[in-house]
Amino acid sequence: MALAPSAGFRLNVLLRNLQSPSNSGERLDAARLLNTAKQGSSAAFLADALRRDSDWQVRRTAAKALGALGAASKIDELLAALGDVSPFVREAAAEAVGHLTLGS
């Protein structure tokens, strides 16, 4: 009988995939899954992806996830993302900031 992977193991795999240097598809999938998983411990990794990822879709998803997590400790990263080159990232960051500051 095979055991299902623990939640901690799955979280570690997602965090590792979020940092995959060569596969933006894996990073995007990881950011999406972290958004739905609502794991507060992933906020630092998502903030790093928001700051550094070359793929605007990953940055946008990271911003959305930070807002959904209620990661008020990452407000500075979200505010910085308001100046992102991608309008989609800027929009997601604005929505996340609004969620964090207004609770909407």
PDB file of N, CA and C in Angstrom:
ATOM      1  N   MET A   1       0.842  -1.171   0.000  1.00  0.00           N
ATOM      2  CA  MET A   1       0.000   0.000   0.000  1.00  0.00           C
ATOM      3  C   MET A   1       0.892   1.240   0.000  1.00  0.00           C
ATOM      4  N   ALA A   2       0.765   2.057  -1.019  1.00  0.00           N
ATOM      5  CA  ALA A   2       1.574   3.265  -1.142  1.00  0.00           C
ATOM      6  C   ALA A   2       0.970   4.381  -0.295  1.00  0.00           C
ATOM      7  N   LEU A   3       1.828   5.109   0.358  1.00  0.00           N
ATOM      8  CA  LEU A   3       1.378   6.232   1.173  1.00  0.00           C
ATOM      9  C   LEU A   3       1.322   7.489   0.321  1.00  0.00           C
ATOM     10  N   ALA A   4       0.308   8.300   0.556  1.00  0.00           N
ATOM     11  CA  ALA A   4       0.219   9.587  -0.135  1.00  0.00           C
ATOM     12  C   ALA A   4       1.274  10.521   0.435  1.00  0.00           C
ATOM     13  N   PRO A   5       1.844  11.375  -0.410  1.00  0.00           N
ATOM     14  CA  PRO A   5       2.843  12.308   0.104  1.00  0.00           C
ATOM     15  C   PRO A   5       2.214  13.244   1.130  1.00  0.00           C
ATOM     16  N   SER A   6       2.978  13.593   2.146  1.00  0.00           N
ATOM     17  CA  SER A   6       2.474  14.498   3.173  1.00  0.00           C
ATOM     18  C   SER A   6       2.321  15.904   2.606  1.00  0.00           C
ATOM     19  N   ALA A   7       1.520  16.701   3.283  1.00  0.00           N
ATOM     20  CA  ALA A   7       1.314  18.089   2.856  1.00  0.00           C
ATOM     21  C   ALA A   7       2.637  18.851   2.875  1.00  0.00           C
ATOM     22  N   GLY A   8       3.471  18.581   3.880  1.00  0.00           N
ATOM     23  CA  GLY A   8       4.768  19.243   3.958  1.00  0.00           C
ATOM     24  C   GLY A   8       5.665  18.889   2.796  1.00  0.00           C
ATOM     25  N   PHE A   9       5.636  17.631   2.393  1.00  0.00           N
ATOM     26  CA  PHE A   9       6.431  17.195   1.249  1.00  0.00           C
ATOM     27  C   PHE A   9       5.947  17.886  -0.026  1.00  0.00           C
ATOM     28  N   ARG A  10       4.629  17.920  -0.214  1.00  0.00           N
ATOM     29  CA  ARG A  10       4.071  18.578  -1.412  1.00  0.00           C
ATOM     30  C   ARG A  10       4.434  20.056  -1.430  1.00  0.00           C
ATOM     31  N   LEU A  11       4.362  20.709  -0.268  1.00  0.00           N
ATOM     32  CA  LEU A  11       4.721  22.118  -0.183  1.00  0.00           C
ATOM     33  C   LEU A  11       6.184  22.316  -0.560  1.00  0.00           C
ATOM     34  N   ASN A  12       7.056  21.455  -0.059  1.00  0.00           N
ATOM     35  CA  ASN A  12       8.482  21.562  -0.399  1.00  0.00           C
ATOM     36  C   ASN A  12       8.725  21.388  -1.889  1.00  0.00           C
ATOM     37  N   VAL A  13       8.000  20.472  -2.512  1.00  0.00           N
ATOM     38  CA  VAL A  13       8.135  20.275  -3.962  1.00  0.00           C
ATOM     39  C   VAL A  13       7.676  21.527  -4.702  1.00  0.00           C
ATOM     40  N   LEU A  14       6.559  22.105  -4.288  1.00  0.00           N
ATOM     41  CA  LEU A  14       6.065  23.323  -4.939  1.00  0.00           C
ATOM     42  C   LEU A  14       7.061  24.472  -4.777  1.00  0.00           C
ATOM     43  N   LEU A  15       7.609  24.623  -3.597  1.00  0.00           N
ATOM     44  CA  LEU A  15       8.569  25.701  -3.364  1.00  0.00           C
ATOM     45  C   LEU A  15       9.825  25.495  -4.200  1.00  0.00           C
ATOM     46  N   ARG A  16      10.269  24.258  -4.324  1.00  0.00           N
ATOM     47  CA  ARG A  16      11.428  23.963  -5.166  1.00  0.00           C
ATOM     48  C   ARG A  16      11.107  24.262  -6.637  1.00  0.00           C
ATOM     49  N   ASN A  17       9.921  23.886  -7.081  1.00  0.00           N
ATOM     50  CA  ASN A  17       9.532  24.144  -8.468  1.00  0.00           C
ATOM     51  C   ASN A  17       9.400  25.639  -8.744  1.00  0.00           C
ATOM     52  N   LEU A  18       8.957  26.391  -7.746  1.00  0.00           N
ATOM     53  CA  LEU A  18       8.831  27.841  -7.914  1.00  0.00           C
ATOM     54  C   LEU A  18      10.186  28.474  -8.187  1.00  0.00           C
ATOM     55  N   GLN A  19      11.244  27.828  -7.745  1.00  0.00           N
ATOM     56  CA  GLN A  19      12.592  28.350  -7.935  1.00  0.00           C
ATOM     57  C   GLN A  19      13.324  27.697  -9.101  1.00  0.00           C
ATOM     58  N   SER A  20      12.633  26.897  -9.902  1.00  0.00           N
ATOM     59  CA  SER A  20      13.257  26.209 -11.032  1.00  0.00           C
ATOM     60  C   SER A  20      13.793  27.228 -12.037  1.00  0.00           C
ATOM     61  N   PRO A  21      15.105  27.265 -12.231  1.00  0.00           N
ATOM     62  CA  PRO A  21      15.666  28.298 -13.106  1.00  0.00           C
ATOM     63  C   PRO A  21      15.369  28.102 -14.589  1.00  0.00           C
ATOM     64  N   SER A  22      15.085  26.901 -14.995  1.00  0.00           N
ATOM     65  CA  SER A  22      14.991  26.646 -16.432  1.00  0.00           C
ATOM     66  C   SER A  22      13.579  26.392 -16.938  1.00  0.00           C
ATOM     67  N   ASN A  23      12.604  26.264 -16.066  1.00  0.00           N
ATOM     68  CA  ASN A  23      11.283  25.864 -16.528  1.00  0.00           C
ATOM     69  C   ASN A  23      10.218  26.818 -15.996  1.00  0.00           C
ATOM     70  N   SER A  24       9.854  27.810 -16.809  1.00  0.00           N
ATOM     71  CA  SER A  24       8.857  28.780 -16.364  1.00  0.00           C
ATOM     72  C   SER A  24       7.480  28.134 -16.210  1.00  0.00           C
ATOM     73  N   GLY A  25       7.210  27.058 -16.934  1.00  0.00           N
ATOM     74  CA  GLY A  25       5.944  26.342 -16.781  1.00  0.00           C
ATOM     75  C   GLY A  25       5.808  25.733 -15.391  1.00  0.00           C
ATOM     76  N   GLU A  26       6.901  25.146 -14.899  1.00  0.00           N
ATOM     77  CA  GLU A  26       6.895  24.596 -13.540  1.00  0.00           C
ATOM     78  C   GLU A  26       6.716  25.699 -12.511  1.00  0.00           C
ATOM     79  N   ARG A  27       7.395  26.834 -12.733  1.00  0.00           N
ATOM     80  CA  ARG A  27       7.273  27.946 -11.791  1.00  0.00           C
ATOM     81  C   ARG A  27       5.845  28.475 -11.765  1.00  0.00           C
ATOM     82  N   LEU A  28       5.233  28.609 -12.929  1.00  0.00           N
ATOM     83  CA  LEU A  28       3.868  29.102 -13.010  1.00  0.00           C
ATOM     84  C   LEU A  28       2.903  28.140 -12.322  1.00  0.00           C
ATOM     85  N   ASP A  29       3.044  26.853 -12.604  1.00  0.00           N
ATOM     86  CA  ASP A  29       2.182  25.853 -11.954  1.00  0.00           C
ATOM     87  C   ASP A  29       2.350  25.882 -10.444  1.00  0.00           C
ATOM     88  N   ALA A  30       3.586  26.005  -9.982  1.00  0.00           N
ATOM     89  CA  ALA A  30       3.841  26.045  -8.539  1.00  0.00           C
ATOM     90  C   ALA A  30       3.185  27.279  -7.916  1.00  0.00           C
ATOM     91  N   ALA A  31       3.317  28.434  -8.563  1.00  0.00           N
ATOM     92  CA  ALA A  31       2.703  29.657  -8.032  1.00  0.00           C
ATOM     93  C   ALA A  31       1.188  29.516  -7.980  1.00  0.00           C
ATOM     94  N   ARG A  32       0.611  28.919  -9.011  1.00  0.00           N
ATOM     95  CA  ARG A  32      -0.848  28.720  -9.023  1.00  0.00           C
ATOM     96  C   ARG A  32      -1.284  27.796  -7.886  1.00  0.00           C
ATOM     97  N   LEU A  33      -0.560  26.713  -7.701  1.00  0.00           N
ATOM     98  CA  LEU A  33      -0.926  25.766  -6.650  1.00  0.00           C
ATOM     99  C   LEU A  33      -0.710  26.364  -5.261  1.00  0.00           C
ATOM    100  N   LEU A  34       0.339  27.158  -5.098  1.00  0.00           N
ATOM    101  CA  LEU A  34       0.556  27.821  -3.816  1.00  0.00           C
ATOM    102  C   LEU A  34      -0.543  28.836  -3.538  1.00  0.00           C
ATOM    103  N   ASN A  35      -1.062  29.444  -4.591  1.00  0.00           N
ATOM    104  CA  ASN A  35      -2.181  30.377  -4.442  1.00  0.00           C
ATOM    105  C   ASN A  35      -3.401  29.658  -3.878  1.00  0.00           C
ATOM    106  N   THR A  36      -3.670  28.471  -4.361  1.00  0.00           N
ATOM    107  CA  THR A  36      -4.848  27.740  -3.886  1.00  0.00           C
ATOM    108  C   THR A  36      -4.590  27.019  -2.572  1.00  0.00           C
ATOM    109  N   ALA A  37      -3.316  26.725  -2.274  1.00  0.00           N
ATOM    110  CA  ALA A  37      -2.995  25.993  -1.050  1.00  0.00           C
ATOM    111  C   ALA A  37      -3.084  26.867   0.192  1.00  0.00           C
ATOM    112  N   LYS A  38      -2.946  28.171   0.022  1.00  0.00           N
ATOM    113  CA  LYS A  38      -3.039  29.121   1.141  1.00  0.00           C
ATOM    114  C   LYS A  38      -2.070  28.767   2.264  1.00  0.00           C
ATOM    115  N   GLN A  39      -0.818  28.502   1.894  1.00  0.00           N
ATOM    116  CA  GLN A  39       0.226  28.187   2.870  1.00  0.00           C
ATOM    117  C   GLN A  39       1.010  29.453   3.193  1.00  0.00           C
ATOM    118  N   GLY A  40       0.813  29.988   4.385  1.00  0.00           N
ATOM    119  CA  GLY A  40       1.496  31.207   4.779  1.00  0.00           C
ATOM    120  C   GLY A  40       3.008  31.105   4.713  1.00  0.00           C
ATOM    121  N   SER A  41       3.533  29.906   4.912  1.00  0.00           N
ATOM    122  CA  SER A  41       4.980  29.716   4.885  1.00  0.00           C
ATOM    123  C   SER A  41       5.567  29.912   3.488  1.00  0.00           C
ATOM    124  N   SER A  42       4.731  29.996   2.478  1.00  0.00           N
ATOM    125  CA  SER A  42       5.222  30.179   1.115  1.00  0.00           C
ATOM    126  C   SER A  42       5.368  31.644   0.735  1.00  0.00           C
ATOM    127  N   ALA A  43       4.980  32.569   1.608  1.00  0.00           N
ATOM    128  CA  ALA A  43       4.975  33.995   1.272  1.00  0.00           C
ATOM    129  C   ALA A  43       6.354  34.496   0.856  1.00  0.00           C
ATOM    130  N   ALA A  44       7.395  34.106   1.549  1.00  0.00           N
ATOM    131  CA  ALA A  44       8.741  34.585   1.201  1.00  0.00           C
ATOM    132  C   ALA A  44       9.150  34.112  -0.189  1.00  0.00           C
ATOM    133  N   PHE A  45       8.801  32.886  -0.531  1.00  0.00           N
ATOM    134  CA  PHE A  45       9.148  32.351  -1.851  1.00  0.00           C
ATOM    135  C   PHE A  45       8.346  33.044  -2.948  1.00  0.00           C
ATOM    136  N   LEU A  46       7.079  33.311  -2.666  1.00  0.00           N
ATOM    137  CA  LEU A  46       6.248  34.027  -3.638  1.00  0.00           C
ATOM    138  C   LEU A  46       6.739  35.460  -3.830  1.00  0.00           C
ATOM    139  N   ALA A  47       7.125  36.106  -2.741  1.00  0.00           N
ATOM    140  CA  ALA A  47       7.651  37.471  -2.844  1.00  0.00           C
ATOM    141  C   ALA A  47       8.938  37.491  -3.667  1.00  0.00           C
ATOM    142  N   ASP A  48       9.769  36.482  -3.482  1.00  0.00           N
ATOM    143  CA  ASP A  48      10.994  36.383  -4.271  1.00  0.00           C
ATOM    144  C   ASP A  48      10.668  36.209  -5.747  1.00  0.00           C
ATOM    145  N   ALA A  49       9.683  35.374  -6.048  1.00  0.00           N
ATOM    146  CA  ALA A  49       9.268  35.181  -7.443  1.00  0.00           C
ATOM    147  C   ALA A  49       8.700  36.483  -8.015  1.00  0.00           C
ATOM    148  N   LEU A  50       7.946  37.210  -7.222  1.00  0.00           N
ATOM    149  CA  LEU A  50       7.392  38.489  -7.672  1.00  0.00           C
ATOM    150  C   LEU A  50       8.513  39.469  -8.013  1.00  0.00           C
ATOM    151  N   ARG A  51       9.557  39.482  -7.218  1.00  0.00           N
ATOM    152  CA  ARG A  51      10.680  40.402  -7.448  1.00  0.00           C
ATOM    153  C   ARG A  51      11.572  39.986  -8.602  1.00  0.00           C
ATOM    154  N   ARG A  52      11.810  38.681  -8.759  1.00  0.00           N
ATOM    155  CA  ARG A  52      12.913  38.249  -9.615  1.00  0.00           C
ATOM    156  C   ARG A  52      12.555  37.446 -10.859  1.00  0.00           C
ATOM    157  N   ASP A  53      11.356  36.897 -10.926  1.00  0.00           N
ATOM    158  CA  ASP A  53      11.081  35.981 -12.031  1.00  0.00           C
ATOM    159  C   ASP A  53      11.028  36.735 -13.354  1.00  0.00           C
ATOM    160  N   SER A  54      11.560  36.128 -14.399  1.00  0.00           N
ATOM    161  CA  SER A  54      11.570  36.750 -15.724  1.00  0.00           C
ATOM    162  C   SER A  54      10.232  36.614 -16.443  1.00  0.00           C
ATOM    163  N   ASP A  55       9.383  35.714 -15.999  1.00  0.00           N
ATOM    164  CA  ASP A  55       8.089  35.448 -16.649  1.00  0.00           C
ATOM    165  C   ASP A  55       6.996  36.271 -15.970  1.00  0.00           C
ATOM    166  N   TRP A  56       6.352  37.155 -16.743  1.00  0.00           N
ATOM    167  CA  TRP A  56       5.322  38.022 -16.153  1.00  0.00           C
ATOM    168  C   TRP A  56       4.159  37.216 -15.588  1.00  0.00           C
ATOM    169  N   GLN A  57       3.879  36.053 -16.158  1.00  0.00           N
ATOM    170  CA  GLN A  57       2.769  35.240 -15.652  1.00  0.00           C
ATOM    171  C   GLN A  57       3.074  34.708 -14.259  1.00  0.00           C
ATOM    172  N   VAL A  58       4.322  34.340 -14.023  1.00  0.00           N
ATOM    173  CA  VAL A  58       4.725  33.884 -12.694  1.00  0.00           C
ATOM    174  C   VAL A  58       4.629  35.046 -11.710  1.00  0.00           C
ATOM    175  N   ARG A  59       5.132  36.229 -12.117  1.00  0.00           N
ATOM    176  CA  ARG A  59       5.066  37.395 -11.234  1.00  0.00           C
ATOM    177  C   ARG A  59       3.616  37.765 -10.914  1.00  0.00           C
ATOM    178  N   ARG A  60       2.745  37.734 -11.919  1.00  0.00           N
ATOM    179  CA  ARG A  60       1.330  38.061 -11.704  1.00  0.00           C
ATOM    180  C   ARG A  60       0.690  37.066 -10.740  1.00  0.00           C
ATOM    181  N   THR A  61       0.951  35.799 -10.945  1.00  0.00           N
ATOM    182  CA  THR A  61       0.375  34.763 -10.084  1.00  0.00           C
ATOM    183  C   THR A  61       0.919  34.876  -8.665  1.00  0.00           C
ATOM    184  N   ALA A  62       2.193  35.199  -8.533  1.00  0.00           N
ATOM    185  CA  ALA A  62       2.782  35.390  -7.203  1.00  0.00           C
ATOM    186  C   ALA A  62       2.111  36.562  -6.488  1.00  0.00           C
ATOM    187  N   ALA A  63       1.856  37.650  -7.201  1.00  0.00           N
ATOM    188  CA  ALA A  63       1.181  38.805  -6.595  1.00  0.00           C
ATOM    189  C   ALA A  63      -0.222  38.422  -6.126  1.00  0.00           C
ATOM    190  N   LYS A  64      -0.941  37.695  -6.965  1.00  0.00           N
ATOM    191  CA  LYS A  64      -2.286  37.255  -6.588  1.00  0.00           C
ATOM    192  C   LYS A  64      -2.236  36.354  -5.356  1.00  0.00           C
ATOM    193  N   ALA A  65      -1.266  35.452  -5.330  1.00  0.00           N
ATOM    194  CA  ALA A  65      -1.149  34.528  -4.203  1.00  0.00           C
ATOM    195  C   ALA A  65      -0.828  35.272  -2.910  1.00  0.00           C
ATOM    196  N   LEU A  66       0.040  36.272  -2.985  1.00  0.00           N
ATOM    197  CA  LEU A  66       0.365  37.049  -1.784  1.00  0.00           C
ATOM    198  C   LEU A  66      -0.861  37.776  -1.252  1.00  0.00           C
ATOM    199  N   GLY A  67      -1.679  38.306  -2.150  1.00  0.00           N
ATOM    200  CA  GLY A  67      -2.920  38.944  -1.714  1.00  0.00           C
ATOM    201  C   GLY A  67      -3.881  37.948  -1.104  1.00  0.00           C
ATOM    202  N   ALA A  68      -4.009  36.792  -1.727  1.00  0.00           N
ATOM    203  CA  ALA A  68      -4.924  35.759  -1.225  1.00  0.00           C
ATOM    204  C   ALA A  68      -4.469  35.217   0.126  1.00  0.00           C
ATOM    205  N   LEU A  69      -3.145  35.166   0.326  1.00  0.00           N
ATOM    206  CA  LEU A  69      -2.608  34.683   1.594  1.00  0.00           C
ATOM    207  C   LEU A  69      -2.793  35.697   2.716  1.00  0.00           C
ATOM    208  N   GLY A  70      -3.042  36.948   2.334  1.00  0.00           N
ATOM    209  CA  GLY A  70      -3.101  38.001   3.340  1.00  0.00           C
ATOM    210  C   GLY A  70      -1.717  38.293   3.886  1.00  0.00           C
ATOM    211  N   ALA A  71      -0.717  38.198   3.017  1.00  0.00           N
ATOM    212  CA  ALA A  71       0.685  38.332   3.420  1.00  0.00           C
ATOM    213  C   ALA A  71       1.058  39.802   3.588  1.00  0.00           C
ATOM    214  N   ALA A  72       0.544  40.420   4.648  1.00  0.00           N
ATOM    215  CA  ALA A  72       0.810  41.838   4.893  1.00  0.00           C
ATOM    216  C   ALA A  72       2.294  42.121   5.068  1.00  0.00           C
ATOM    217  N   SER A  73       3.058  41.140   5.488  1.00  0.00           N
ATOM    218  CA  SER A  73       4.508  41.333   5.663  1.00  0.00           C
ATOM    219  C   SER A  73       5.214  41.547   4.323  1.00  0.00           C
ATOM    220  N   LYS A  74       4.531  41.255   3.228  1.00  0.00           N
ATOM    221  CA  LYS A  74       5.126  41.398   1.895  1.00  0.00           C
ATOM    222  C   LYS A  74       4.550  42.586   1.138  1.00  0.00           C
ATOM    223  N   ILE A  75       3.965  43.541   1.850  1.00  0.00           N
ATOM    224  CA  ILE A  75       3.357  44.705   1.203  1.00  0.00           C
ATOM    225  C   ILE A  75       4.394  45.506   0.423  1.00  0.00           C
ATOM    226  N   ASP A  76       5.629  45.597   0.931  1.00  0.00           N
ATOM    227  CA  ASP A  76       6.659  46.361   0.219  1.00  0.00           C
ATOM    228  C   ASP A  76       6.944  45.764  -1.156  1.00  0.00           C
ATOM    229  N   GLU A  77       6.992  44.447  -1.240  1.00  0.00           N
ATOM    230  CA  GLU A  77       7.225  43.790  -2.526  1.00  0.00           C
ATOM    231  C   GLU A  77       6.060  44.042  -3.479  1.00  0.00           C
ATOM    232  N   LEU A  78       4.851  44.018  -2.936  1.00  0.00           N
ATOM    233  CA  LEU A  78       3.675  44.289  -3.774  1.00  0.00           C
ATOM    234  C   LEU A  78       3.663  45.738  -4.244  1.00  0.00           C
ATOM    235  N   LEU A  79       4.015  46.657  -3.368  1.00  0.00           N
ATOM    236  CA  LEU A  79       4.074  48.067  -3.765  1.00  0.00           C
ATOM    237  C   LEU A  79       5.137  48.277  -4.843  1.00  0.00           C
ATOM    238  N   ALA A  80       6.271  47.605  -4.711  1.00  0.00           N
ATOM    239  CA  ALA A  80       7.315  47.710  -5.733  1.00  0.00           C
ATOM    240  C   ALA A  80       6.819  47.161  -7.064  1.00  0.00           C
ATOM    241  N   ALA A  81       5.994  46.127  -7.016  1.00  0.00           N
ATOM    242  CA  ALA A  81       5.478  45.514  -8.248  1.00  0.00           C
ATOM    243  C   ALA A  81       4.496  46.425  -8.982  1.00  0.00           C
ATOM    244  N   LEU A  82       4.032  47.480  -8.326  1.00  0.00           N
ATOM    245  CA  LEU A  82       3.176  48.449  -9.023  1.00  0.00           C
ATOM    246  C   LEU A  82       3.936  49.146 -10.148  1.00  0.00           C
ATOM    247  N   GLY A  83       5.261  49.053 -10.132  1.00  0.00           N
ATOM    248  CA  GLY A  83       6.092  49.614 -11.188  1.00  0.00           C
ATOM    249  C   GLY A  83       6.616  48.573 -12.167  1.00  0.00           C
ATOM    250  N   ASP A  84       6.080  47.363 -12.132  1.00  0.00           N
ATOM    251  CA  ASP A  84       6.516  46.291 -13.030  1.00  0.00           C
ATOM    252  C   ASP A  84       6.294  46.681 -14.485  1.00  0.00           C
ATOM    253  N   VAL A  85       7.102  46.147 -15.373  1.00  0.00           N
ATOM    254  CA  VAL A  85       6.959  46.440 -16.803  1.00  0.00           C
ATOM    255  C   VAL A  85       5.666  45.875 -17.381  1.00  0.00           C
ATOM    256  N   SER A  86       5.142  44.826 -16.767  1.00  0.00           N
ATOM    257  CA  SER A  86       3.920  44.194 -17.276  1.00  0.00           C
ATOM    258  C   SER A  86       2.684  44.826 -16.642  1.00  0.00           C
ATOM    259  N   PRO A  87       1.738  45.264 -17.474  1.00  0.00           N
ATOM    260  CA  PRO A  87       0.502  45.810 -16.907  1.00  0.00           C
ATOM    261  C   PRO A  87      -0.306  44.756 -16.149  1.00  0.00           C
ATOM    262  N   PHE A  88      -0.140  43.501 -16.502  1.00  0.00           N
ATOM    263  CA  PHE A  88      -0.860  42.426 -15.816  1.00  0.00           C
ATOM    264  C   PHE A  88      -0.333  42.226 -14.400  1.00  0.00           C
ATOM    265  N   VAL A  89       0.982  42.354 -14.250  1.00  0.00           N
ATOM    266  CA  VAL A  89       1.592  42.250 -12.917  1.00  0.00           C
ATOM    267  C   VAL A  89       1.181  43.458 -12.081  1.00  0.00           C
ATOM    268  N   ARG A  90       1.221  44.637 -12.692  1.00  0.00           N
ATOM    269  CA  ARG A  90       0.814  45.856 -11.961  1.00  0.00           C
ATOM    270  C   ARG A  90      -0.623  45.746 -11.473  1.00  0.00           C
ATOM    271  N   GLU A  91      -1.503  45.231 -12.323  1.00  0.00           N
ATOM    272  CA  GLU A  91      -2.907  45.082 -11.947  1.00  0.00           C
ATOM    273  C   GLU A  91      -3.063  44.079 -10.789  1.00  0.00           C
ATOM    274  N   ALA A  92      -2.381  42.954 -10.887  1.00  0.00           N
ATOM    275  CA  ALA A  92      -2.465  41.945  -9.828  1.00  0.00           C
ATOM    276  C   ALA A  92      -1.901  42.487  -8.521  1.00  0.00           C
ATOM    277  N   ALA A  93      -0.803  43.237  -8.606  1.00  0.00           N
ATOM    278  CA  ALA A  93      -0.206  43.823  -7.401  1.00  0.00           C
ATOM    279  C   ALA A  93      -1.158  44.842  -6.778  1.00  0.00           C
ATOM    280  N   ALA A  94      -1.803  45.658  -7.605  1.00  0.00           N
ATOM    281  CA  ALA A  94      -2.762  46.653  -7.087  1.00  0.00           C
ATOM    282  C   ALA A  94      -3.933  45.968  -6.393  1.00  0.00           C
ATOM    283  N   GLU A  95      -4.433  44.906  -6.992  1.00  0.00           N
ATOM    284  CA  GLU A  95      -5.533  44.164  -6.369  1.00  0.00           C
ATOM    285  C   GLU A  95      -5.090  43.547  -5.037  1.00  0.00           C
ATOM    286  N   ALA A  96      -3.871  43.011  -5.006  1.00  0.00           N
ATOM    287  CA  ALA A  96      -3.360  42.398  -3.776  1.00  0.00           C
ATOM    288  C   ALA A  96      -3.180  43.446  -2.682  1.00  0.00           C
ATOM    289  N   VAL A  97      -2.642  44.609  -3.044  1.00  0.00           N
ATOM    290  CA  VAL A  97      -2.478  45.694  -2.065  1.00  0.00           C
ATOM    291  C   VAL A  97      -3.842  46.117  -1.544  1.00  0.00           C
ATOM    292  N   GLY A  98      -4.804  46.246  -2.440  1.00  0.00           N
ATOM    293  CA  GLY A  98      -6.164  46.600  -2.012  1.00  0.00           C
ATOM    294  C   GLY A  98      -6.744  45.551  -1.068  1.00  0.00           C
ATOM    295  N   HIS A  99      -6.507  44.313  -1.375  1.00  0.00           N
ATOM    296  CA  HIS A  99      -6.999  43.229  -0.523  1.00  0.00           C
ATOM    297  C   HIS A  99      -6.361  43.303   0.866  1.00  0.00           C
ATOM    298  N   LEU A 100      -5.068  43.570   0.892  1.00  0.00           N
ATOM    299  CA  LEU A 100      -4.350  43.620   2.163  1.00  0.00           C
ATOM    300  C   LEU A 100      -4.708  44.849   2.992  1.00  0.00           C
ATOM    301  N   THR A 101      -4.921  45.971   2.330  1.00  0.00           N
ATOM    302  CA  THR A 101      -5.153  47.205   3.063  1.00  0.00           C
ATOM    303  C   THR A 101      -6.627  47.456   3.361  1.00  0.00           C
ATOM    304  N   LEU A 102      -7.484  46.977   2.468  1.00  0.00           N
ATOM    305  CA  LEU A 102      -8.918  47.213   2.637  1.00  0.00           C
ATOM    306  C   LEU A 102      -9.663  45.963   3.098  1.00  0.00           C
ATOM    307  N   GLY A 103      -8.994  44.838   2.991  1.00  0.00           N
ATOM    308  CA  GLY A 103      -9.628  43.585   3.379  1.00  0.00           C
ATOM    309  C   GLY A 103     -10.751  43.169   2.457  1.00  0.00           C
ATOM    310  N   SER A 104     -10.668  43.623   1.194  1.00  0.00           N
ATOM    311  CA  SER A 104     -11.742  43.275   0.238  1.00  0.00           C
ATOM    312  C   SER A 104     -11.421  42.041  -0.553  1.00  0.00           C
TER     313      SER A 104
END
